[in-house]
Amino acid sequence: MTLIGRIAEAERERWLGEVEGLQVSLAGAQGKLDQLDAEAARRPSTVDLGMPTFADVAIRTTTTSTDQHCP
């Protein structure tokens, strides 16, 4: 059961002290969720690690030396 459901049950049963405590808990949980949402909005969705993209790598070619050094 959710906090909202518990609050509704407590109101229906007239557990006034329980209603107040659950409302405080709900406000705290909502405040924490708001804080997490704000933090996520400030954070960029991707992080640039400075690694080359496939396009950067695909245009490179590998060359081999025709000079062979024999000891």
PDB file of N, CA and C in Angstrom:
ATOM      1  N   MET A   1       0.851  -1.177   0.000  1.00  0.00           N
ATOM      2  CA  MET A   1       0.000   0.000   0.000  1.00  0.00           C
ATOM      3  C   MET A   1       0.899   1.243   0.000  1.00  0.00           C
ATOM      4  N   THR A   2       0.502   2.248  -0.740  1.00  0.00           N
ATOM      5  CA  THR A   2       1.272   3.481  -0.820  1.00  0.00           C
ATOM      6  C   THR A   2       0.966   4.383   0.373  1.00  0.00           C
ATOM      7  N   LEU A   3       1.779   5.407   0.536  1.00  0.00           N
ATOM      8  CA  LEU A   3       1.531   6.369   1.614  1.00  0.00           C
ATOM      9  C   LEU A   3       0.181   7.052   1.428  1.00  0.00           C
ATOM     10  N   ILE A   4      -0.162   7.356   0.195  1.00  0.00           N
ATOM     11  CA  ILE A   4      -1.453   8.005  -0.061  1.00  0.00           C
ATOM     12  C   ILE A   4      -2.595   7.079   0.344  1.00  0.00           C
ATOM     13  N   GLY A   5      -2.449   5.804   0.041  1.00  0.00           N
ATOM     14  CA  GLY A   5      -3.452   4.819   0.450  1.00  0.00           C
ATOM     15  C   GLY A   5      -3.539   4.694   1.965  1.00  0.00           C
ATOM     16  N   ARG A   6      -2.376   4.725   2.609  1.00  0.00           N
ATOM     17  CA  ARG A   6      -2.363   4.653   4.083  1.00  0.00           C
ATOM     18  C   ARG A   6      -3.014   5.884   4.701  1.00  0.00           C
ATOM     19  N   ILE A   7      -2.766   7.057   4.102  1.00  0.00           N
ATOM     20  CA  ILE A   7      -3.390   8.285   4.608  1.00  0.00           C
ATOM     21  C   ILE A   7      -4.904   8.187   4.465  1.00  0.00           C
ATOM     22  N   ALA A   8      -5.375   7.719   3.320  1.00  0.00           N
ATOM     23  CA  ALA A   8      -6.826   7.565   3.100  1.00  0.00           C
ATOM     24  C   ALA A   8      -7.425   6.603   4.123  1.00  0.00           C
ATOM     25  N   GLU A   9      -6.732   5.491   4.386  1.00  0.00           N
ATOM     26  CA  GLU A   9      -7.215   4.526   5.378  1.00  0.00           C
ATOM     27  C   GLU A   9      -7.264   5.161   6.770  1.00  0.00           C
ATOM     28  N   ALA A  10      -6.197   5.878   7.127  1.00  0.00           N
ATOM     29  CA  ALA A  10      -6.155   6.515   8.449  1.00  0.00           C
ATOM     30  C   ALA A  10      -7.244   7.571   8.585  1.00  0.00           C
ATOM     31  N   GLU A  11      -7.517   8.314   7.520  1.00  0.00           N
ATOM     32  CA  GLU A  11      -8.600   9.316   7.575  1.00  0.00           C
ATOM     33  C   GLU A  11      -9.950   8.626   7.715  1.00  0.00           C
ATOM     34  N   ARG A  12     -10.141   7.540   6.966  1.00  0.00           N
ATOM     35  CA  ARG A  12     -11.407   6.792   7.028  1.00  0.00           C
ATOM     36  C   ARG A  12     -11.634   6.214   8.422  1.00  0.00           C
ATOM     37  N   GLU A  13     -10.558   5.753   9.044  1.00  0.00           N
ATOM     38  CA  GLU A  13     -10.665   5.156  10.379  1.00  0.00           C
ATOM     39  C   GLU A  13     -10.562   6.194  11.494  1.00  0.00           C
ATOM     40  N   ARG A  14     -10.329   7.444  11.098  1.00  0.00           N
ATOM     41  CA  ARG A  14     -10.213   8.571  12.021  1.00  0.00           C
ATOM     42  C   ARG A  14      -9.031   8.415  12.992  1.00  0.00           C
ATOM     43  N   TRP A  15      -7.905   7.921  12.445  1.00  0.00           N
ATOM     44  CA  TRP A  15      -6.663   7.834  13.210  1.00  0.00           C
ATOM     45  C   TRP A  15      -5.891   9.127  12.973  1.00  0.00           C
ATOM     46  N   LEU A  16      -6.302  10.176  13.664  1.00  0.00           N
ATOM     47  CA  LEU A  16      -5.804  11.509  13.377  1.00  0.00           C
ATOM     48  C   LEU A  16      -4.295  11.640  13.564  1.00  0.00           C
ATOM     49  N   GLY A  17      -3.751  11.049  14.603  1.00  0.00           N
ATOM     50  CA  GLY A  17      -2.301  11.107  14.820  1.00  0.00           C
ATOM     51  C   GLY A  17      -1.552  10.378  13.711  1.00  0.00           C
ATOM     52  N   GLU A  18      -2.128   9.280  13.280  1.00  0.00           N
ATOM     53  CA  GLU A  18      -1.524   8.508  12.192  1.00  0.00           C
ATOM     54  C   GLU A  18      -1.569   9.304  10.882  1.00  0.00           C
ATOM     55  N   VAL A  19      -2.668  10.001  10.639  1.00  0.00           N
ATOM     56  CA  VAL A  19      -2.797  10.826   9.423  1.00  0.00           C
ATOM     57  C   VAL A  19      -1.695  11.876   9.396  1.00  0.00           C
ATOM     58  N   GLU A  20      -1.514  12.550  10.502  1.00  0.00           N
ATOM     59  CA  GLU A  20      -0.503  13.612  10.563  1.00  0.00           C
ATOM     60  C   GLU A  20       0.904  13.055  10.325  1.00  0.00           C
ATOM     61  N   GLY A  21       1.228  11.953  10.950  1.00  0.00           N
ATOM     62  CA  GLY A  21       2.543  11.346  10.770  1.00  0.00           C
ATOM     63  C   GLY A  21       2.781  10.897   9.339  1.00  0.00           C
ATOM     64  N   LEU A  22       1.749  10.307   8.725  1.00  0.00           N
ATOM     65  CA  LEU A  22       1.875   9.859   7.342  1.00  0.00           C
ATOM     66  C   LEU A  22       2.009  11.044   6.382  1.00  0.00           C
ATOM     67  N   GLN A  23       1.319  12.128   6.677  1.00  0.00           N
ATOM     68  CA  GLN A  23       1.438  13.321   5.833  1.00  0.00           C
ATOM     69  C   GLN A  23       2.840  13.914   5.915  1.00  0.00           C
ATOM     70  N   VAL A  24       3.430  13.878   7.092  1.00  0.00           N
ATOM     71  CA  VAL A  24       4.816  14.344   7.251  1.00  0.00           C
ATOM     72  C   VAL A  24       5.757  13.444   6.439  1.00  0.00           C
ATOM     73  N   SER A  25       5.539  12.141   6.519  1.00  0.00           N
ATOM     74  CA  SER A  25       6.361  11.199   5.749  1.00  0.00           C
ATOM     75  C   SER A  25       6.200  11.425   4.255  1.00  0.00           C
ATOM     76  N   LEU A  26       4.965  11.654   3.810  1.00  0.00           N
ATOM     77  CA  LEU A  26       4.706  11.895   2.394  1.00  0.00           C
ATOM     78  C   LEU A  26       5.383  13.178   1.930  1.00  0.00           C
ATOM     79  N   ALA A  27       5.320  14.222   2.732  1.00  0.00           N
ATOM     80  CA  ALA A  27       5.969  15.488   2.374  1.00  0.00           C
ATOM     81  C   ALA A  27       7.480  15.304   2.291  1.00  0.00           C
ATOM     82  N   GLY A  28       8.052  14.543   3.209  1.00  0.00           N
ATOM     83  CA  GLY A  28       9.492  14.275   3.176  1.00  0.00           C
ATOM     84  C   GLY A  28       9.889  13.472   1.952  1.00  0.00           C
ATOM     85  N   ALA A  29       9.100  12.465   1.622  1.00  0.00           N
ATOM     86  CA  ALA A  29       9.394  11.647   0.443  1.00  0.00           C
ATOM     87  C   ALA A  29       9.270  12.481  -0.829  1.00  0.00           C
ATOM     88  N   GLN A  30       8.249  13.323  -0.909  1.00  0.00           N
ATOM     89  CA  GLN A  30       8.072  14.174  -2.087  1.00  0.00           C
ATOM     90  C   GLN A  30       9.217  15.176  -2.207  1.00  0.00           C
ATOM     91  N   GLY A  31       9.654  15.717  -1.073  1.00  0.00           N
ATOM     92  CA  GLY A  31      10.793  16.634  -1.084  1.00  0.00           C
ATOM     93  C   GLY A  31      12.057  15.960  -1.584  1.00  0.00           C
ATOM     94  N   LYS A  32      12.291  14.726  -1.166  1.00  0.00           N
ATOM     95  CA  LYS A  32      13.465  13.986  -1.616  1.00  0.00           C
ATOM     96  C   LYS A  32      13.382  13.692  -3.111  1.00  0.00           C
ATOM     97  N   LEU A  33      12.206  13.297  -3.591  1.00  0.00           N
ATOM     98  CA  LEU A  33      12.031  13.056  -5.022  1.00  0.00           C
ATOM     99  C   LEU A  33      12.264  14.322  -5.834  1.00  0.00           C
ATOM    100  N   ASP A  34      11.770  15.450  -5.340  1.00  0.00           N
ATOM    101  CA  ASP A  34      11.990  16.731  -6.023  1.00  0.00           C
ATOM    102  C   ASP A  34      13.479  17.064  -6.082  1.00  0.00           C
ATOM    103  N   GLN A  35      14.181  16.802  -4.981  1.00  0.00           N
ATOM    104  CA  GLN A  35      15.620  17.050  -4.914  1.00  0.00           C
ATOM    105  C   GLN A  35      16.366  16.178  -5.927  1.00  0.00           C
ATOM    106  N   LEU A  36      16.007  14.910  -6.024  1.00  0.00           N
ATOM    107  CA  LEU A  36      16.648  14.003  -6.970  1.00  0.00           C
ATOM    108  C   LEU A  36      16.345  14.405  -8.415  1.00  0.00           C
ATOM    109  N   ASP A  37      15.105  14.837  -8.680  1.00  0.00           N
ATOM    110  CA  ASP A  37      14.753  15.295 -10.025  1.00  0.00           C
ATOM    111  C   ASP A  37      15.555  16.529 -10.408  1.00  0.00           C
ATOM    112  N   ALA A  38      15.723  17.458  -9.482  1.00  0.00           N
ATOM    113  CA  ALA A  38      16.486  18.676  -9.763  1.00  0.00           C
ATOM    114  C   ALA A  38      17.955  18.337 -10.024  1.00  0.00           C
ATOM    115  N   GLU A  39      18.496  17.401  -9.262  1.00  0.00           N
ATOM    116  CA  GLU A  39      19.886  16.999  -9.457  1.00  0.00           C
ATOM    117  C   GLU A  39      20.069  16.320 -10.814  1.00  0.00           C
ATOM    118  N   ALA A  40      19.124  15.490 -11.196  1.00  0.00           N
ATOM    119  CA  ALA A  40      19.203  14.811 -12.493  1.00  0.00           C
ATOM    120  C   ALA A  40      19.092  15.815 -13.638  1.00  0.00           C
ATOM    121  N   ALA A  41      18.297  16.859 -13.464  1.00  0.00           N
ATOM    122  CA  ALA A  41      18.138  17.872 -14.507  1.00  0.00           C
ATOM    123  C   ALA A  41      19.414  18.686 -14.686  1.00  0.00           C
ATOM    124  N   ARG A  42      20.177  18.867 -13.634  1.00  0.00           N
ATOM    125  CA  ARG A  42      21.431  19.629 -13.713  1.00  0.00           C
ATOM    126  C   ARG A  42      22.549  18.821 -14.365  1.00  0.00           C
ATOM    127  N   ARG A  43      22.477  17.529 -14.254  1.00  0.00           N
ATOM    128  CA  ARG A  43      23.519  16.647 -14.756  1.00  0.00           C
ATOM    129  C   ARG A  43      23.329  16.417 -16.258  1.00  0.00           C
ATOM    130  N   PRO A  44      24.397  16.494 -17.038  1.00  0.00           N
ATOM    131  CA  PRO A  44      24.252  16.213 -18.475  1.00  0.00           C
ATOM    132  C   PRO A  44      23.869  14.749 -18.691  1.00  0.00           C
ATOM    133  N   SER A  45      23.135  14.495 -19.755  1.00  0.00           N
ATOM    134  CA  SER A  45      22.663  13.133 -19.987  1.00  0.00           C
ATOM    135  C   SER A  45      23.781  12.216 -20.479  1.00  0.00           C
ATOM    136  N   THR A  46      24.799  12.786 -21.107  1.00  0.00           N
ATOM    137  CA  THR A  46      25.929  11.982 -21.555  1.00  0.00           C
ATOM    138  C   THR A  46      27.221  12.617 -21.055  1.00  0.00           C
ATOM    139  N   VAL A  47      28.220  11.807 -20.965  1.00  0.00           N
ATOM    140  CA  VAL A  47      29.526  12.277 -20.514  1.00  0.00           C
ATOM    141  C   VAL A  47      30.525  12.025 -21.627  1.00  0.00           C
ATOM    142  N   ASP A  48      31.256  13.055 -22.025  1.00  0.00           N
ATOM    143  CA  ASP A  48      32.273  12.923 -23.049  1.00  0.00           C
ATOM    144  C   ASP A  48      33.544  12.385 -22.412  1.00  0.00           C
ATOM    145  N   LEU A  49      33.913  11.179 -22.794  1.00  0.00           N
ATOM    146  CA  LEU A  49      35.108  10.559 -22.250  1.00  0.00           C
ATOM    147  C   LEU A  49      36.333  10.855 -23.098  1.00  0.00           C
ATOM    148  N   GLY A  50      36.151  11.606 -24.180  1.00  0.00           N
ATOM    149  CA  GLY A  50      37.263  11.951 -25.032  1.00  0.00           C
ATOM    150  C   GLY A  50      37.705  10.803 -25.923  1.00  0.00           C
ATOM    151  N   MET A  51      36.899   9.783 -26.031  1.00  0.00           N
ATOM    152  CA  MET A  51      37.255   8.646 -26.870  1.00  0.00           C
ATOM    153  C   MET A  51      36.821   8.935 -28.304  1.00  0.00           C
ATOM    154  N   PRO A  52      37.565   8.437 -29.281  1.00  0.00           N
ATOM    155  CA  PRO A  52      37.203   8.692 -30.672  1.00  0.00           C
ATOM    156  C   PRO A  52      35.919   7.966 -31.050  1.00  0.00           C
ATOM    157  N   THR A  53      35.201   8.551 -31.969  1.00  0.00           N
ATOM    158  CA  THR A  53      33.981   7.913 -32.468  1.00  0.00           C
ATOM    159  C   THR A  53      34.356   6.908 -33.542  1.00  0.00           C
ATOM    160  N   PHE A  54      33.422   6.120 -33.954  1.00  0.00           N
ATOM    161  CA  PHE A  54      33.680   5.158 -35.015  1.00  0.00           C
ATOM    162  C   PHE A  54      34.091   5.881 -36.294  1.00  0.00           C
ATOM    163  N   ALA A  55      33.427   6.999 -36.595  1.00  0.00           N
ATOM    164  CA  ALA A  55      33.774   7.759 -37.800  1.00  0.00           C
ATOM    165  C   ALA A  55      35.223   8.225 -37.747  1.00  0.00           C
ATOM    166  N   ASP A  56      35.697   8.636 -36.588  1.00  0.00           N
ATOM    167  CA  ASP A  56      37.092   9.059 -36.454  1.00  0.00           C
ATOM    168  C   ASP A  56      38.047   7.895 -36.738  1.00  0.00           C
ATOM    169  N   VAL A  57      37.713   6.732 -36.267  1.00  0.00           N
ATOM    170  CA  VAL A  57      38.580   5.568 -36.407  1.00  0.00           C
ATOM    171  C   VAL A  57      38.478   4.984 -37.815  1.00  0.00           C
ATOM    172  N   ALA A  58      37.300   4.990 -38.406  1.00  0.00           N
ATOM    173  CA  ALA A  58      37.084   4.351 -39.699  1.00  0.00           C
ATOM    174  C   ALA A  58      37.837   5.044 -40.824  1.00  0.00           C
ATOM    175  N   ILE A  59      38.108   6.330 -40.710  1.00  0.00           N
ATOM    176  CA  ILE A  59      38.793   7.026 -41.798  1.00  0.00           C
ATOM    177  C   ILE A  59      40.301   6.819 -41.760  1.00  0.00           C
ATOM    178  N   ARG A  60      40.798   6.259 -40.711  1.00  0.00           N
ATOM    179  CA  ARG A  60      42.232   5.989 -40.610  1.00  0.00           C
ATOM    180  C   ARG A  60      42.570   4.726 -41.393  1.00  0.00           C
ATOM    181  N   THR A  61      43.724   4.711 -41.987  1.00  0.00           N
ATOM    182  CA  THR A  61      44.181   3.507 -42.678  1.00  0.00           C
ATOM    183  C   THR A  61      45.477   3.047 -42.039  1.00  0.00           C
ATOM    184  N   THR A  62      45.718   1.800 -42.164  1.00  0.00           N
ATOM    185  CA  THR A  62      46.937   1.229 -41.608  1.00  0.00           C
ATOM    186  C   THR A  62      47.912   0.988 -42.747  1.00  0.00           C
ATOM    187  N   THR A  63      49.122   1.410 -42.588  1.00  0.00           N
ATOM    188  CA  THR A  63      50.159   1.150 -43.586  1.00  0.00           C
ATOM    189  C   THR A  63      51.236   0.304 -42.945  1.00  0.00           C
ATOM    190  N   THR A  64      51.815  -0.512 -43.751  1.00  0.00           N
ATOM    191  CA  THR A  64      52.921  -1.339 -43.264  1.00  0.00           C
ATOM    192  C   THR A  64      54.172  -0.932 -44.013  1.00  0.00           C
ATOM    193  N   SER A  65      55.253  -1.063 -43.369  1.00  0.00           N
ATOM    194  CA  SER A  65      56.528  -0.703 -43.970  1.00  0.00           C
ATOM    195  C   SER A  65      56.997  -1.815 -44.882  1.00  0.00           C
ATOM    196  N   THR A  66      57.503  -1.450 -46.057  1.00  0.00           N
ATOM    197  CA  THR A  66      58.040  -2.463 -46.957  1.00  0.00           C
ATOM    198  C   THR A  66      59.489  -2.777 -46.641  1.00  0.00           C
ATOM    199  N   ASP A  67      60.092  -1.918 -45.840  1.00  0.00           N
ATOM    200  CA  ASP A  67      61.479  -2.163 -45.426  1.00  0.00           C
ATOM    201  C   ASP A  67      61.487  -3.142 -44.262  1.00  0.00           C
ATOM    202  N   GLN A  68      62.163  -4.227 -44.433  1.00  0.00           N
ATOM    203  CA  GLN A  68      62.269  -5.187 -43.346  1.00  0.00           C
ATOM    204  C   GLN A  68      63.702  -5.205 -42.863  1.00  0.00           C
ATOM    205  N   HIS A  69      63.810  -5.117 -41.602  1.00  0.00           N
ATOM    206  CA  HIS A  69      65.151  -5.108 -41.001  1.00  0.00           C
ATOM    207  C   HIS A  69      65.453  -6.513 -40.512  1.00  0.00           C
ATOM    208  N   CYS A  70      66.495  -7.048 -41.032  1.00  0.00           N
ATOM    209  CA  CYS A  70      66.917  -8.376 -40.592  1.00  0.00           C
ATOM    210  C   CYS A  70      68.193  -8.224 -39.769  1.00  0.00           C
ATOM    211  N   PRO A  71      68.269  -8.881 -38.671  1.00  0.00           N
ATOM    212  CA  PRO A  71      69.487  -8.775 -37.848  1.00  0.00           C
ATOM    213  C   PRO A  71      70.659  -9.468 -38.438  1.00  0.00           C
TER     214      PRO A  71
END
